[in-house]
Amino acid sequence: MKLLIGNRRYSSWSLRGWLAARQAGLAFDLEVVPLFGSDPAADHRAHPALAPSAGRVPILWDGDAVVWDSLAIMDYLADKVGRDRFWPKQEAARALARAMVAEMHSGFAPLRRALPMDLQRPPAPLDPAACHQPDAVEGDILRVLALWAEARSRFGAGGPFLFGSFGAADIAFAPVVARFHHYAVPVPGFAQAYMAAVWEHAWLREWAAGAAEETWVIPG
């Protein structure tokens, strides 16, 4: 298999796709495609493997099979290796995990816009003047914390992650953990403990180390 990702520093969707590939435990080659150059269209033409996704990352090639979109990649890999590797076995827990991942995948636009992922940003609070929808952003943060609290209180007894062991829900929320960390978002103690578990996970440390070595910069 081959996984194409964008810049580690900025690409939250690539992080999810890469974590899904690591979670699957299958061998794969990795190619980083910087998509923030002065001529993105030319960049896309230079990488024909991106064509099926219209230049979007991540994209996974597995022989003749091609899958793009981080959630689709996760589902594809879960089908290959067994869904229990990604999702909780208990029916109620699995239902909540699926709903949380779907909500994260399709929602939280104010949070994404106000706190863009930047793994080279020194941790510091967001300048309030730079936040155009502070109430909406605060609402998104509270919603994330509520989801984390429900998962941890109901199904987190088996370990430090949302449903005990590391899985699909943690993959989906890993970029949010990075955002909360780099923008010094104040969170209650249970969320601090969860974020520490994610942030110190070996795979997140590996991704962050790669991001620290990147030289591509988005000035904005």
N, C-alpha and C. Protein backbone atom coordinates (compact mmCIF):
# COMPACT_ATOMS: atom_id res chain seq x y z
N MET A 1 0.85 -1.20 0.00
CA MET A 1 0.00 0.00 0.00
C MET A 1 0.88 1.25 0.00
N LYS A 2 0.29 2.34 -0.48
CA LYS A 2 0.98 3.62 -0.47
C LYS A 2 0.00 4.69 0.00
N LEU A 3 0.45 5.50 0.97
CA LEU A 3 -0.37 6.59 1.50
C LEU A 3 0.28 7.91 1.15
N LEU A 4 -0.49 8.80 0.53
CA LEU A 4 -0.02 10.15 0.24
C LEU A 4 -0.66 11.11 1.23
N ILE A 5 0.18 11.93 1.84
CA ILE A 5 -0.29 12.89 2.84
C ILE A 5 0.21 14.28 2.48
N GLY A 6 -0.38 15.28 3.10
CA GLY A 6 0.09 16.65 2.97
C GLY A 6 1.09 16.98 4.06
N ASN A 7 1.37 18.24 4.21
CA ASN A 7 2.33 18.70 5.19
C ASN A 7 1.92 18.26 6.60
N ARG A 8 2.83 17.62 7.31
CA ARG A 8 2.52 17.16 8.66
C ARG A 8 2.18 18.32 9.58
N ARG A 9 2.83 19.45 9.36
CA ARG A 9 2.63 20.60 10.24
C ARG A 9 1.18 21.08 10.24
N TYR A 10 0.54 21.04 9.07
CA TYR A 10 -0.77 21.67 8.92
C TYR A 10 -1.92 20.72 8.64
N SER A 11 -1.65 19.56 8.09
CA SER A 11 -2.72 18.75 7.51
C SER A 11 -3.34 17.81 8.54
N SER A 12 -4.43 18.27 9.15
CA SER A 12 -5.11 17.46 10.16
C SER A 12 -5.74 16.21 9.55
N TRP A 13 -6.26 16.33 8.33
CA TRP A 13 -6.87 15.17 7.68
C TRP A 13 -5.81 14.13 7.36
N SER A 14 -4.62 14.56 6.97
CA SER A 14 -3.55 13.62 6.71
C SER A 14 -3.15 12.88 7.98
N LEU A 15 -3.12 13.59 9.10
CA LEU A 15 -2.81 12.95 10.37
C LEU A 15 -3.80 11.82 10.66
N ARG A 16 -5.08 12.07 10.42
CA ARG A 16 -6.07 11.02 10.67
C ARG A 16 -5.84 9.81 9.76
N GLY A 17 -5.58 10.06 8.49
CA GLY A 17 -5.35 8.95 7.57
C GLY A 17 -4.11 8.16 7.93
N TRP A 18 -3.06 8.86 8.33
CA TRP A 18 -1.81 8.19 8.71
C TRP A 18 -1.99 7.37 9.99
N LEU A 19 -2.69 7.94 10.97
CA LEU A 19 -2.96 7.19 12.20
C LEU A 19 -3.80 5.94 11.90
N ALA A 20 -4.74 6.06 10.99
CA ALA A 20 -5.55 4.90 10.62
C ALA A 20 -4.67 3.82 10.01
N ALA A 21 -3.72 4.22 9.17
CA ALA A 21 -2.82 3.24 8.56
C ALA A 21 -1.93 2.59 9.62
N ARG A 22 -1.47 3.37 10.58
CA ARG A 22 -0.67 2.79 11.66
C ARG A 22 -1.52 1.85 12.52
N GLN A 23 -2.75 2.24 12.78
CA GLN A 23 -3.63 1.42 13.58
C GLN A 23 -3.91 0.07 12.91
N ALA A 24 -3.98 0.06 11.60
CA ALA A 24 -4.25 -1.17 10.88
C ALA A 24 -3.12 -2.18 11.02
N GLY A 25 -1.90 -1.67 11.22
CA GLY A 25 -0.78 -2.56 11.41
C GLY A 25 -0.23 -3.17 10.14
N LEU A 26 -0.63 -2.66 8.99
CA LEU A 26 -0.16 -3.18 7.71
C LEU A 26 0.98 -2.31 7.18
N ALA A 27 1.85 -2.94 6.42
CA ALA A 27 2.97 -2.19 5.84
C ALA A 27 2.46 -1.25 4.76
N PHE A 28 3.02 -0.04 4.72
CA PHE A 28 2.67 0.91 3.66
C PHE A 28 3.83 1.86 3.43
N ASP A 29 3.94 2.31 2.18
CA ASP A 29 4.89 3.37 1.84
C ASP A 29 4.20 4.71 2.04
N LEU A 30 5.01 5.73 2.31
CA LEU A 30 4.48 7.06 2.60
C LEU A 30 5.12 8.08 1.69
N GLU A 31 4.30 8.97 1.15
CA GLU A 31 4.81 10.09 0.36
C GLU A 31 4.16 11.37 0.85
N VAL A 32 5.00 12.36 1.16
CA VAL A 32 4.52 13.68 1.59
C VAL A 32 4.45 14.58 0.37
N VAL A 33 3.28 15.14 0.13
CA VAL A 33 3.06 16.01 -1.02
C VAL A 33 2.73 17.40 -0.51
N PRO A 34 3.66 18.34 -0.56
CA PRO A 34 3.36 19.70 -0.10
C PRO A 34 2.36 20.36 -1.03
N LEU A 35 1.22 20.72 -0.48
CA LEU A 35 0.12 21.23 -1.29
C LEU A 35 -0.09 22.73 -1.13
N PHE A 36 0.87 23.42 -0.54
CA PHE A 36 0.67 24.84 -0.27
C PHE A 36 1.69 25.70 -1.00
N GLY A 37 2.12 25.25 -2.18
CA GLY A 37 3.06 26.03 -2.96
C GLY A 37 2.39 27.17 -3.68
N SER A 38 3.16 27.87 -4.49
CA SER A 38 2.63 29.03 -5.21
C SER A 38 1.71 28.62 -6.36
N ASP A 39 1.84 27.37 -6.82
CA ASP A 39 1.03 26.89 -7.93
C ASP A 39 0.49 25.50 -7.59
N PRO A 40 -0.56 25.43 -6.77
CA PRO A 40 -1.08 24.11 -6.36
C PRO A 40 -1.49 23.24 -7.53
N ALA A 41 -2.06 23.85 -8.59
CA ALA A 41 -2.48 23.06 -9.74
C ALA A 41 -1.30 22.33 -10.36
N ALA A 42 -0.17 23.00 -10.45
CA ALA A 42 1.03 22.36 -10.98
C ALA A 42 1.51 21.25 -10.05
N ASP A 43 1.40 21.50 -8.75
CA ASP A 43 1.77 20.46 -7.79
C ASP A 43 0.93 19.22 -8.00
N HIS A 44 -0.37 19.42 -8.21
CA HIS A 44 -1.26 18.28 -8.40
C HIS A 44 -0.90 17.53 -9.68
N ARG A 45 -0.61 18.25 -10.76
CA ARG A 45 -0.26 17.59 -12.02
C ARG A 45 1.03 16.80 -11.88
N ALA A 46 1.89 17.23 -10.99
CA ALA A 46 3.16 16.55 -10.80
C ALA A 46 3.00 15.25 -10.00
N HIS A 47 1.82 15.05 -9.44
CA HIS A 47 1.58 13.86 -8.63
C HIS A 47 0.30 13.20 -9.14
N PRO A 48 0.40 12.43 -10.22
CA PRO A 48 -0.79 11.81 -10.79
C PRO A 48 -1.51 10.88 -9.83
N ALA A 49 -0.82 10.40 -8.80
CA ALA A 49 -1.48 9.52 -7.83
C ALA A 49 -2.57 10.24 -7.07
N LEU A 50 -2.56 11.59 -7.11
CA LEU A 50 -3.60 12.37 -6.43
C LEU A 50 -4.84 12.57 -7.31
N ALA A 51 -4.76 12.19 -8.56
CA ALA A 51 -5.85 12.51 -9.49
C ALA A 51 -7.22 12.00 -9.04
N PRO A 52 -7.35 10.77 -8.53
CA PRO A 52 -8.70 10.32 -8.16
C PRO A 52 -9.35 11.15 -7.07
N SER A 53 -8.54 11.80 -6.24
CA SER A 53 -9.10 12.60 -5.14
C SER A 53 -9.17 14.07 -5.48
N ALA A 54 -8.95 14.43 -6.75
CA ALA A 54 -8.92 15.83 -7.17
C ALA A 54 -7.88 16.63 -6.40
N GLY A 55 -6.76 15.97 -6.09
CA GLY A 55 -5.65 16.65 -5.44
C GLY A 55 -5.73 16.71 -3.94
N ARG A 56 -6.75 16.10 -3.36
CA ARG A 56 -6.89 16.16 -1.90
C ARG A 56 -6.12 15.02 -1.24
N VAL A 57 -5.69 15.29 -0.01
CA VAL A 57 -5.02 14.28 0.80
C VAL A 57 -5.80 14.10 2.11
N PRO A 58 -5.64 12.91 2.73
CA PRO A 58 -4.82 11.78 2.32
C PRO A 58 -5.51 10.94 1.25
N ILE A 59 -4.71 10.15 0.59
CA ILE A 59 -5.23 9.20 -0.39
C ILE A 59 -4.41 7.92 -0.27
N LEU A 60 -5.10 6.79 -0.25
CA LEU A 60 -4.47 5.50 -0.06
C LEU A 60 -4.62 4.66 -1.32
N TRP A 61 -3.51 4.14 -1.81
CA TRP A 61 -3.51 3.20 -2.93
C TRP A 61 -3.18 1.82 -2.38
N ASP A 62 -3.97 0.84 -2.76
CA ASP A 62 -3.75 -0.55 -2.36
C ASP A 62 -3.95 -1.42 -3.59
N GLY A 63 -2.88 -1.60 -4.35
CA GLY A 63 -3.02 -2.26 -5.64
C GLY A 63 -3.88 -1.41 -6.56
N ASP A 64 -4.94 -2.00 -7.10
CA ASP A 64 -5.86 -1.25 -7.97
C ASP A 64 -6.90 -0.47 -7.18
N ALA A 65 -6.98 -0.70 -5.88
CA ALA A 65 -7.96 0.01 -5.05
C ALA A 65 -7.40 1.35 -4.64
N VAL A 66 -8.23 2.38 -4.70
CA VAL A 66 -7.81 3.72 -4.27
C VAL A 66 -8.91 4.30 -3.37
N VAL A 67 -8.48 4.85 -2.26
CA VAL A 67 -9.42 5.37 -1.26
C VAL A 67 -8.92 6.74 -0.81
N TRP A 68 -9.80 7.72 -0.85
CA TRP A 68 -9.46 9.02 -0.29
C TRP A 68 -10.51 9.39 0.75
N ASP A 69 -10.23 10.45 1.49
CA ASP A 69 -11.02 10.88 2.64
C ASP A 69 -10.62 10.02 3.84
N SER A 70 -10.26 10.69 4.93
CA SER A 70 -9.71 9.97 6.08
C SER A 70 -10.68 8.96 6.67
N LEU A 71 -11.97 9.29 6.70
CA LEU A 71 -12.93 8.34 7.26
C LEU A 71 -13.09 7.13 6.35
N ALA A 72 -13.09 7.33 5.03
CA ALA A 72 -13.18 6.22 4.10
C ALA A 72 -11.94 5.32 4.21
N ILE A 73 -10.78 5.94 4.40
CA ILE A 73 -9.55 5.16 4.59
C ILE A 73 -9.65 4.31 5.85
N MET A 74 -10.16 4.90 6.92
CA MET A 74 -10.31 4.15 8.15
C MET A 74 -11.25 2.96 7.96
N ASP A 75 -12.37 3.19 7.31
CA ASP A 75 -13.33 2.10 7.08
C ASP A 75 -12.73 1.02 6.19
N TYR A 76 -12.01 1.43 5.15
CA TYR A 76 -11.40 0.46 4.24
C TYR A 76 -10.40 -0.42 4.99
N LEU A 77 -9.57 0.20 5.80
CA LEU A 77 -8.56 -0.55 6.53
C LEU A 77 -9.20 -1.44 7.60
N ALA A 78 -10.28 -0.96 8.22
CA ALA A 78 -10.98 -1.77 9.21
C ALA A 78 -11.56 -3.02 8.56
N ASP A 79 -12.05 -2.89 7.34
CA ASP A 79 -12.55 -4.06 6.62
C ASP A 79 -11.43 -5.07 6.34
N LYS A 80 -10.22 -4.58 6.14
CA LYS A 80 -9.10 -5.47 5.82
C LYS A 80 -8.59 -6.22 7.05
N VAL A 81 -8.56 -5.54 8.19
CA VAL A 81 -7.89 -6.13 9.36
C VAL A 81 -8.85 -6.54 10.47
N GLY A 82 -10.12 -6.21 10.32
CA GLY A 82 -11.08 -6.52 11.38
C GLY A 82 -11.51 -5.25 12.09
N ARG A 83 -12.79 -5.04 12.19
CA ARG A 83 -13.31 -3.78 12.70
C ARG A 83 -13.03 -3.59 14.19
N ASP A 84 -12.80 -4.69 14.90
CA ASP A 84 -12.52 -4.56 16.33
C ASP A 84 -11.19 -3.86 16.60
N ARG A 85 -10.32 -3.81 15.61
CA ARG A 85 -9.05 -3.09 15.80
C ARG A 85 -9.29 -1.58 15.89
N PHE A 86 -10.40 -1.11 15.32
CA PHE A 86 -10.70 0.32 15.30
C PHE A 86 -11.84 0.70 16.24
N TRP A 87 -12.83 -0.16 16.36
CA TRP A 87 -14.06 0.21 17.05
C TRP A 87 -14.27 -0.64 18.30
N PRO A 88 -14.91 -0.08 19.33
CA PRO A 88 -15.17 -0.88 20.54
C PRO A 88 -16.04 -2.10 20.22
N LYS A 89 -15.83 -3.15 20.99
CA LYS A 89 -16.60 -4.38 20.76
C LYS A 89 -18.02 -4.25 21.29
N GLN A 90 -18.18 -3.56 22.42
CA GLN A 90 -19.50 -3.43 23.03
C GLN A 90 -20.41 -2.59 22.13
N GLU A 91 -21.63 -3.03 21.94
CA GLU A 91 -22.52 -2.38 20.98
C GLU A 91 -22.78 -0.92 21.32
N ALA A 92 -23.10 -0.62 22.58
CA ALA A 92 -23.39 0.77 22.97
C ALA A 92 -22.16 1.65 22.81
N ALA A 93 -21.00 1.12 23.15
CA ALA A 93 -19.77 1.89 22.99
C ALA A 93 -19.46 2.13 21.52
N ARG A 94 -19.65 1.09 20.71
CA ARG A 94 -19.39 1.23 19.27
C ARG A 94 -20.33 2.25 18.65
N ALA A 95 -21.59 2.26 19.10
CA ALA A 95 -22.54 3.24 18.57
C ALA A 95 -22.11 4.66 18.90
N LEU A 96 -21.69 4.89 20.14
CA LEU A 96 -21.25 6.23 20.52
C LEU A 96 -19.98 6.61 19.76
N ALA A 97 -19.04 5.68 19.63
CA ALA A 97 -17.80 5.99 18.93
C ALA A 97 -18.07 6.37 17.48
N ARG A 98 -18.96 5.64 16.82
CA ARG A 98 -19.28 5.95 15.43
C ARG A 98 -19.91 7.33 15.30
N ALA A 99 -20.83 7.63 16.21
CA ALA A 99 -21.49 8.93 16.16
C ALA A 99 -20.50 10.06 16.41
N MET A 100 -19.59 9.87 17.36
CA MET A 100 -18.59 10.89 17.65
C MET A 100 -17.67 11.13 16.46
N VAL A 101 -17.22 10.05 15.84
CA VAL A 101 -16.33 10.19 14.68
C VAL A 101 -17.04 10.89 13.53
N ALA A 102 -18.29 10.51 13.29
CA ALA A 102 -19.05 11.15 12.21
C ALA A 102 -19.26 12.63 12.49
N GLU A 103 -19.57 12.98 13.75
CA GLU A 103 -19.78 14.39 14.09
C GLU A 103 -18.49 15.18 13.92
N MET A 104 -17.38 14.59 14.33
CA MET A 104 -16.09 15.27 14.17
C MET A 104 -15.76 15.45 12.69
N HIS A 105 -16.08 14.44 11.90
CA HIS A 105 -15.75 14.46 10.48
C HIS A 105 -16.51 15.55 9.73
N SER A 106 -17.73 15.80 10.14
CA SER A 106 -18.59 16.71 9.36
C SER A 106 -18.83 18.06 10.03
N GLY A 107 -18.43 18.22 11.27
CA GLY A 107 -18.80 19.42 12.01
C GLY A 107 -17.62 20.23 12.52
N PHE A 108 -17.91 21.10 13.47
CA PHE A 108 -16.92 21.90 14.17
C PHE A 108 -16.17 22.87 13.26
N ALA A 109 -16.88 23.42 12.28
CA ALA A 109 -16.23 24.35 11.35
C ALA A 109 -15.68 25.60 12.04
N PRO A 110 -16.40 26.22 12.98
CA PRO A 110 -15.82 27.40 13.65
C PRO A 110 -14.52 27.08 14.38
N LEU A 111 -14.48 25.93 15.03
CA LEU A 111 -13.25 25.53 15.72
C LEU A 111 -12.11 25.33 14.74
N ARG A 112 -12.39 24.68 13.62
CA ARG A 112 -11.34 24.45 12.62
C ARG A 112 -10.79 25.77 12.08
N ARG A 113 -11.70 26.71 11.80
CA ARG A 113 -11.25 27.99 11.22
C ARG A 113 -10.47 28.83 12.23
N ALA A 114 -10.92 28.86 13.46
CA ALA A 114 -10.30 29.74 14.46
C ALA A 114 -8.98 29.18 14.98
N LEU A 115 -8.89 27.84 15.05
CA LEU A 115 -7.70 27.20 15.60
C LEU A 115 -7.11 26.24 14.56
N PRO A 116 -6.59 26.76 13.46
CA PRO A 116 -6.02 25.86 12.44
C PRO A 116 -4.83 25.10 13.01
N MET A 117 -4.67 23.86 12.57
CA MET A 117 -3.57 23.05 13.09
C MET A 117 -2.24 23.59 12.60
N ASP A 118 -1.33 23.78 13.53
CA ASP A 118 0.03 24.23 13.22
C ASP A 118 0.94 23.66 14.29
N LEU A 119 1.61 22.56 13.98
CA LEU A 119 2.39 21.85 14.98
C LEU A 119 3.72 22.52 15.29
N GLN A 120 4.03 23.62 14.60
CA GLN A 120 5.22 24.40 14.96
C GLN A 120 4.85 25.66 15.73
N ARG A 121 3.59 25.82 16.05
CA ARG A 121 3.16 27.01 16.80
C ARG A 121 3.51 26.85 18.28
N PRO A 122 4.25 27.79 18.87
CA PRO A 122 4.49 27.70 20.31
C PRO A 122 3.17 27.78 21.07
N PRO A 123 2.93 26.91 22.03
CA PRO A 123 1.65 26.93 22.74
C PRO A 123 1.36 28.29 23.36
N ALA A 124 0.24 28.87 22.98
CA ALA A 124 -0.17 30.18 23.49
C ALA A 124 -1.65 30.36 23.15
N PRO A 125 -2.39 31.09 23.99
CA PRO A 125 -3.81 31.31 23.70
C PRO A 125 -4.01 32.07 22.39
N LEU A 126 -5.14 31.85 21.77
CA LEU A 126 -5.51 32.58 20.56
C LEU A 126 -5.81 34.02 20.92
N ASP A 127 -5.35 34.93 20.06
CA ASP A 127 -5.68 36.35 20.23
C ASP A 127 -7.18 36.52 20.02
N PRO A 128 -7.93 37.00 21.02
CA PRO A 128 -9.39 37.14 20.85
C PRO A 128 -9.78 37.96 19.64
N ALA A 129 -8.93 38.93 19.27
CA ALA A 129 -9.24 39.77 18.12
C ALA A 129 -9.20 38.99 16.82
N ALA A 130 -8.52 37.84 16.82
CA ALA A 130 -8.41 37.04 15.60
C ALA A 130 -9.54 36.03 15.47
N CYS A 131 -10.41 35.99 16.45
CA CYS A 131 -11.50 35.01 16.44
C CYS A 131 -12.79 35.72 16.03
N HIS A 132 -13.31 35.38 14.85
CA HIS A 132 -14.47 36.08 14.31
C HIS A 132 -15.79 35.54 14.82
N GLN A 133 -15.80 34.33 15.36
CA GLN A 133 -17.03 33.73 15.89
C GLN A 133 -16.75 33.16 17.28
N PRO A 134 -16.43 34.01 18.26
CA PRO A 134 -16.01 33.48 19.56
C PRO A 134 -17.07 32.61 20.22
N ASP A 135 -18.33 32.97 20.09
CA ASP A 135 -19.39 32.16 20.72
C ASP A 135 -19.48 30.78 20.07
N ALA A 136 -19.38 30.74 18.74
CA ALA A 136 -19.44 29.47 18.04
C ALA A 136 -18.23 28.60 18.36
N VAL A 137 -17.06 29.21 18.46
CA VAL A 137 -15.85 28.46 18.80
C VAL A 137 -15.98 27.90 20.21
N GLU A 138 -16.45 28.73 21.14
CA GLU A 138 -16.64 28.26 22.51
C GLU A 138 -17.65 27.12 22.55
N GLY A 139 -18.71 27.23 21.76
CA GLY A 139 -19.69 26.16 21.70
C GLY A 139 -19.08 24.87 21.18
N ASP A 140 -18.22 24.97 20.17
CA ASP A 140 -17.56 23.77 19.64
C ASP A 140 -16.65 23.14 20.70
N ILE A 141 -15.91 23.97 21.42
CA ILE A 141 -15.01 23.45 22.45
C ILE A 141 -15.81 22.73 23.53
N LEU A 142 -16.91 23.33 23.97
CA LEU A 142 -17.73 22.70 25.00
C LEU A 142 -18.34 21.39 24.49
N ARG A 143 -18.71 21.36 23.22
CA ARG A 143 -19.28 20.14 22.66
C ARG A 143 -18.23 19.03 22.62
N VAL A 144 -17.00 19.35 22.22
CA VAL A 144 -15.93 18.36 22.23
C VAL A 144 -15.72 17.82 23.63
N LEU A 145 -15.66 18.71 24.60
CA LEU A 145 -15.42 18.28 25.97
C LEU A 145 -16.57 17.41 26.48
N ALA A 146 -17.79 17.73 26.09
CA ALA A 146 -18.94 16.92 26.50
C ALA A 146 -18.86 15.52 25.90
N LEU A 147 -18.46 15.43 24.62
CA LEU A 147 -18.32 14.13 24.00
C LEU A 147 -17.21 13.31 24.67
N TRP A 148 -16.09 13.96 24.92
CA TRP A 148 -15.00 13.26 25.61
C TRP A 148 -15.44 12.77 26.98
N ALA A 149 -16.16 13.62 27.70
CA ALA A 149 -16.59 13.25 29.06
C ALA A 149 -17.51 12.05 29.03
N GLU A 150 -18.45 12.03 28.08
CA GLU A 150 -19.38 10.90 28.00
C GLU A 150 -18.64 9.62 27.67
N ALA A 151 -17.76 9.66 26.70
CA ALA A 151 -17.03 8.45 26.33
C ALA A 151 -16.17 7.95 27.48
N ARG A 152 -15.45 8.85 28.12
CA ARG A 152 -14.56 8.44 29.21
C ARG A 152 -15.35 7.90 30.40
N SER A 153 -16.45 8.56 30.75
CA SER A 153 -17.20 8.14 31.94
C SER A 153 -17.94 6.82 31.71
N ARG A 154 -18.42 6.61 30.50
CA ARG A 154 -19.20 5.40 30.23
C ARG A 154 -18.36 4.22 29.80
N PHE A 155 -17.31 4.48 29.03
CA PHE A 155 -16.62 3.36 28.39
C PHE A 155 -15.10 3.44 28.48
N GLY A 156 -14.56 4.33 29.27
CA GLY A 156 -13.12 4.53 29.28
C GLY A 156 -12.36 3.81 30.37
N ALA A 157 -12.99 2.88 31.05
CA ALA A 157 -12.35 2.25 32.21
C ALA A 157 -11.15 1.38 31.83
N GLY A 158 -11.06 0.94 30.59
CA GLY A 158 -10.01 0.00 30.21
C GLY A 158 -8.70 0.63 29.82
N GLY A 159 -8.57 1.94 29.91
CA GLY A 159 -7.33 2.60 29.52
C GLY A 159 -7.49 4.10 29.49
N PRO A 160 -6.48 4.85 29.03
CA PRO A 160 -6.53 6.31 29.11
C PRO A 160 -7.21 7.00 27.94
N PHE A 161 -7.67 6.22 26.95
CA PHE A 161 -8.23 6.83 25.75
C PHE A 161 -9.76 6.88 25.84
N LEU A 162 -10.40 7.43 24.83
CA LEU A 162 -11.83 7.70 24.92
C LEU A 162 -12.64 6.46 25.26
N PHE A 163 -12.29 5.35 24.64
CA PHE A 163 -13.01 4.10 24.90
C PHE A 163 -12.06 3.06 25.50
N GLY A 164 -11.13 3.53 26.28
CA GLY A 164 -10.16 2.67 26.94
C GLY A 164 -8.90 2.51 26.13
N SER A 165 -8.95 1.71 25.09
CA SER A 165 -7.79 1.52 24.22
C SER A 165 -7.87 2.47 23.03
N PHE A 166 -6.73 2.74 22.43
CA PHE A 166 -6.64 3.67 21.30
C PHE A 166 -7.42 3.10 20.12
N GLY A 167 -8.24 3.95 19.48
CA GLY A 167 -9.06 3.48 18.38
C GLY A 167 -9.52 4.61 17.48
N ALA A 168 -10.59 4.35 16.75
CA ALA A 168 -11.06 5.27 15.73
C ALA A 168 -11.41 6.64 16.29
N ALA A 169 -12.05 6.67 17.45
CA ALA A 169 -12.44 7.96 18.03
C ALA A 169 -11.22 8.81 18.37
N ASP A 170 -10.18 8.17 18.88
CA ASP A 170 -8.96 8.92 19.20
C ASP A 170 -8.26 9.40 17.94
N ILE A 171 -8.32 8.59 16.89
CA ILE A 171 -7.78 9.03 15.60
C ILE A 171 -8.51 10.27 15.11
N ALA A 172 -9.83 10.26 15.22
CA ALA A 172 -10.62 11.40 14.74
C ALA A 172 -10.34 12.66 15.53
N PHE A 173 -10.13 12.53 16.83
CA PHE A 173 -9.96 13.71 17.69
C PHE A 173 -8.50 14.08 17.94
N ALA A 174 -7.55 13.31 17.41
CA ALA A 174 -6.14 13.63 17.62
C ALA A 174 -5.78 15.05 17.16
N PRO A 175 -6.24 15.50 15.98
CA PRO A 175 -5.93 16.88 15.60
C PRO A 175 -6.55 17.92 16.53
N VAL A 176 -7.69 17.59 17.14
CA VAL A 176 -8.29 18.51 18.11
C VAL A 176 -7.41 18.60 19.35
N VAL A 177 -6.87 17.47 19.77
CA VAL A 177 -5.92 17.48 20.88
C VAL A 177 -4.75 18.40 20.55
N ALA A 178 -4.23 18.29 19.33
CA ALA A 178 -3.12 19.16 18.91
C ALA A 178 -3.53 20.62 18.94
N ARG A 179 -4.72 20.93 18.45
CA ARG A 179 -5.20 22.31 18.47
C ARG A 179 -5.32 22.82 19.90
N PHE A 180 -5.96 22.06 20.76
CA PHE A 180 -6.13 22.49 22.15
C PHE A 180 -4.77 22.70 22.81
N HIS A 181 -3.80 21.86 22.47
CA HIS A 181 -2.47 22.00 23.05
C HIS A 181 -1.79 23.28 22.56
N HIS A 182 -1.77 23.49 21.26
CA HIS A 182 -1.00 24.62 20.71
C HIS A 182 -1.70 25.96 20.92
N TYR A 183 -3.00 25.95 21.16
CA TYR A 183 -3.70 27.20 21.46
C TYR A 183 -4.01 27.32 22.94
N ALA A 184 -3.40 26.47 23.76
CA ALA A 184 -3.51 26.55 25.22
C ALA A 184 -4.96 26.69 25.67
N VAL A 185 -5.83 25.88 25.10
CA VAL A 185 -7.24 25.92 25.46
C VAL A 185 -7.40 25.35 26.87
N PRO A 186 -7.99 26.09 27.80
CA PRO A 186 -8.17 25.55 29.15
C PRO A 186 -9.22 24.46 29.16
N VAL A 187 -8.87 23.32 29.75
CA VAL A 187 -9.78 22.18 29.80
C VAL A 187 -9.76 21.60 31.20
N PRO A 188 -10.82 20.90 31.61
CA PRO A 188 -10.84 20.29 32.94
C PRO A 188 -9.86 19.13 33.05
N GLY A 189 -9.68 18.67 34.29
CA GLY A 189 -8.66 17.67 34.56
C GLY A 189 -8.79 16.39 33.76
N PHE A 190 -10.00 15.87 33.61
CA PHE A 190 -10.15 14.62 32.87
C PHE A 190 -9.69 14.78 31.43
N ALA A 191 -9.96 15.97 30.84
CA ALA A 191 -9.55 16.22 29.46
C ALA A 191 -8.04 16.41 29.38
N GLN A 192 -7.45 17.02 30.39
CA GLN A 192 -6.00 17.15 30.41
C GLN A 192 -5.34 15.77 30.40
N ALA A 193 -5.88 14.86 31.20
CA ALA A 193 -5.31 13.51 31.25
C ALA A 193 -5.46 12.80 29.91
N TYR A 194 -6.63 12.95 29.29
CA TYR A 194 -6.84 12.33 27.99
C TYR A 194 -5.91 12.93 26.94
N MET A 195 -5.81 14.25 26.91
CA MET A 195 -4.94 14.89 25.94
C MET A 195 -3.49 14.46 26.12
N ALA A 196 -3.06 14.32 27.36
CA ALA A 196 -1.69 13.88 27.61
C ALA A 196 -1.45 12.48 27.06
N ALA A 197 -2.44 11.61 27.22
CA ALA A 197 -2.30 10.24 26.70
C ALA A 197 -2.17 10.25 25.18
N VAL A 198 -2.97 11.07 24.51
CA VAL A 198 -2.89 11.15 23.05
C VAL A 198 -1.59 11.81 22.63
N TRP A 199 -1.27 12.94 23.24
CA TRP A 199 -0.12 13.72 22.83
C TRP A 199 1.19 12.96 23.02
N GLU A 200 1.23 12.09 24.04
CA GLU A 200 2.44 11.33 24.31
C GLU A 200 2.45 9.96 23.63
N HIS A 201 1.40 9.64 22.90
CA HIS A 201 1.38 8.38 22.16
C HIS A 201 2.56 8.36 21.17
N ALA A 202 3.19 7.21 21.03
CA ALA A 202 4.38 7.12 20.19
C ALA A 202 4.13 7.58 18.77
N TRP A 203 2.93 7.30 18.24
CA TRP A 203 2.64 7.71 16.86
C TRP A 203 2.52 9.22 16.75
N LEU A 204 1.91 9.86 17.76
CA LEU A 204 1.81 11.32 17.72
C LEU A 204 3.19 11.96 17.86
N ARG A 205 4.04 11.38 18.68
CA ARG A 205 5.40 11.90 18.83
C ARG A 205 6.16 11.76 17.50
N GLU A 206 5.97 10.65 16.81
CA GLU A 206 6.62 10.47 15.52
C GLU A 206 6.12 11.49 14.51
N TRP A 207 4.81 11.72 14.46
CA TRP A 207 4.25 12.70 13.52
C TRP A 207 4.75 14.10 13.86
N ALA A 208 4.75 14.46 15.14
CA ALA A 208 5.19 15.80 15.55
C ALA A 208 6.67 16.02 15.22
N ALA A 209 7.48 14.97 15.37
CA ALA A 209 8.90 15.10 15.03
C ALA A 209 9.06 15.37 13.54
N GLY A 210 8.27 14.71 12.72
CA GLY A 210 8.32 14.98 11.29
C GLY A 210 7.88 16.39 10.97
N ALA A 211 6.84 16.85 11.65
CA ALA A 211 6.35 18.22 11.42
C ALA A 211 7.40 19.25 11.80
N ALA A 212 8.16 18.97 12.84
CA ALA A 212 9.17 19.93 13.30
C ALA A 212 10.29 20.12 12.29
N GLU A 213 10.48 19.11 11.44
CA GLU A 213 11.55 19.19 10.45
C GLU A 213 11.12 19.82 9.13
N GLU A 214 9.83 20.07 8.96
CA GLU A 214 9.34 20.62 7.69
C GLU A 214 9.69 22.10 7.56
N THR A 215 9.96 22.51 6.35
CA THR A 215 10.33 23.91 6.09
C THR A 215 9.22 24.68 5.39
N TRP A 216 8.16 24.00 4.93
CA TRP A 216 7.07 24.70 4.25
C TRP A 216 6.31 25.56 5.25
N VAL A 217 5.93 26.77 4.82
CA VAL A 217 5.25 27.70 5.71
C VAL A 217 4.07 28.31 4.98
N ILE A 218 2.92 28.39 5.66
CA ILE A 218 1.78 29.18 5.19
C ILE A 218 1.82 30.51 5.92
N PRO A 219 2.18 31.62 5.27
CA PRO A 219 2.38 32.89 5.99
C PRO A 219 1.16 33.32 6.80
N GLY A 220 -0.06 33.03 6.28
CA GLY A 220 -1.26 33.48 7.00
C GLY A 220 -1.47 32.77 8.32
